[in-house]
Amino acid sequence: MVAFGLQVRGLPRLHGDGRRAELGEHRRRGLREHVASRTAPWSERVPAMTPAE
């Protein structure tokens, strides 16, 4: 949430290049539209940062 607050102050977008893991994109889709619109469109799937169990 802090990252989104910083974006409002003119800092770069949280996901400026659109590269996200599936879980990150799922999370973004759950955000309110005015917050989700501040992230770049999903352009490339990247592996999850934590290994699957």
C-alpha atoms as a PDB file:
ATOM      1  CA  MET A   1       0.000   0.000   0.000  1.00  0.00           C
ATOM      2  CA  VAL A   2       2.868   2.333   0.754  1.00  0.00           C
ATOM      3  CA  ALA A   3       4.225   1.816  -2.756  1.00  0.00           C
ATOM      4  CA  PHE A   4       0.946   3.013  -4.260  1.00  0.00           C
ATOM      5  CA  GLY A   5       0.990   6.035  -1.973  1.00  0.00           C
ATOM      6  CA  LEU A   6       4.456   6.910  -3.212  1.00  0.00           C
ATOM      7  CA  GLN A   7       3.308   6.647  -6.834  1.00  0.00           C
ATOM      8  CA  VAL A   8       0.731   9.361  -6.221  1.00  0.00           C
ATOM      9  CA  ARG A   9       3.622  11.651  -5.353  1.00  0.00           C
ATOM     10  CA  GLY A  10       5.090  11.237  -8.829  1.00  0.00           C
ATOM     11  CA  LEU A  11       7.427   8.278  -8.381  1.00  0.00           C
ATOM     12  CA  PRO A  12       7.540   5.487 -11.006  1.00  0.00           C
ATOM     13  CA  ARG A  13       4.768   2.916 -11.178  1.00  0.00           C
ATOM     14  CA  LEU A  14       5.020  -0.189  -9.019  1.00  0.00           C
ATOM     15  CA  HIS A  15       5.174  -2.498 -12.061  1.00  0.00           C
ATOM     16  CA  GLY A  16       6.499  -0.103 -14.667  1.00  0.00           C
ATOM     17  CA  ASP A  17       7.343  -2.714 -17.283  1.00  0.00           C
ATOM     18  CA  GLY A  18       4.405  -5.119 -16.896  1.00  0.00           C
ATOM     19  CA  ARG A  19       6.449  -8.191 -15.922  1.00  0.00           C
ATOM     20  CA  ARG A  20       4.664 -10.117 -13.153  1.00  0.00           C
ATOM     21  CA  ALA A  21       4.152 -13.612 -11.818  1.00  0.00           C
ATOM     22  CA  GLU A  22       0.655 -15.054 -12.090  1.00  0.00           C
ATOM     23  CA  LEU A  23       0.027 -14.449  -8.396  1.00  0.00           C
ATOM     24  CA  GLY A  24       1.001 -10.792  -8.795  1.00  0.00           C
ATOM     25  CA  GLU A  25      -1.397 -10.362 -11.704  1.00  0.00           C
ATOM     26  CA  HIS A  26      -4.155 -12.079  -9.728  1.00  0.00           C
ATOM     27  CA  ARG A  27      -3.532  -9.654  -6.884  1.00  0.00           C
ATOM     28  CA  ARG A  28      -3.586  -6.651  -9.246  1.00  0.00           C
ATOM     29  CA  ARG A  29      -6.947  -7.732 -10.664  1.00  0.00           C
ATOM     30  CA  GLY A  30      -8.355  -7.678  -7.133  1.00  0.00           C
ATOM     31  CA  LEU A  31      -7.453  -4.015  -6.619  1.00  0.00           C
ATOM     32  CA  ARG A  32      -9.888  -1.173  -7.046  1.00  0.00           C
ATOM     33  CA  GLU A  33      -9.828   0.275 -10.549  1.00  0.00           C
ATOM     34  CA  HIS A  34      -8.300   3.618  -9.556  1.00  0.00           C
ATOM     35  CA  VAL A  35      -5.374   1.739  -7.962  1.00  0.00           C
ATOM     36  CA  ALA A  36      -5.017  -1.003 -10.600  1.00  0.00           C
ATOM     37  CA  SER A  37      -4.905   1.605 -13.366  1.00  0.00           C
ATOM     38  CA  ARG A  38      -1.614   2.881 -11.902  1.00  0.00           C
ATOM     39  CA  THR A  39       0.137  -0.384 -12.815  1.00  0.00           C
ATOM     40  CA  ALA A  40       1.407  -1.296 -16.266  1.00  0.00           C
ATOM     41  CA  PRO A  41      -0.561  -3.904 -18.240  1.00  0.00           C
ATOM     42  CA  TRP A  42       0.673  -7.482 -17.793  1.00  0.00           C
ATOM     43  CA  SER A  43       3.132  -8.000 -20.640  1.00  0.00           C
ATOM     44  CA  GLU A  44       5.333 -10.905 -19.549  1.00  0.00           C
ATOM     45  CA  ARG A  45       4.878 -13.832 -17.171  1.00  0.00           C
ATOM     46  CA  VAL A  46       7.824 -14.300 -14.835  1.00  0.00           C
ATOM     47  CA  PRO A  47       8.447 -17.194 -12.442  1.00  0.00           C
ATOM     48  CA  ALA A  48       7.221 -16.899  -8.875  1.00  0.00           C
ATOM     49  CA  MET A  49       9.778 -15.538  -6.440  1.00  0.00           C
ATOM     50  CA  THR A  50       9.076 -18.284  -3.912  1.00  0.00           C
ATOM     51  CA  PRO A  51       9.294 -21.979  -4.791  1.00  0.00           C
ATOM     52  CA  ALA A  52       6.104 -24.034  -4.887  1.00  0.00           C
ATOM     53  CA  GLU A  53       5.707 -26.581  -2.130  1.00  0.00           C
END
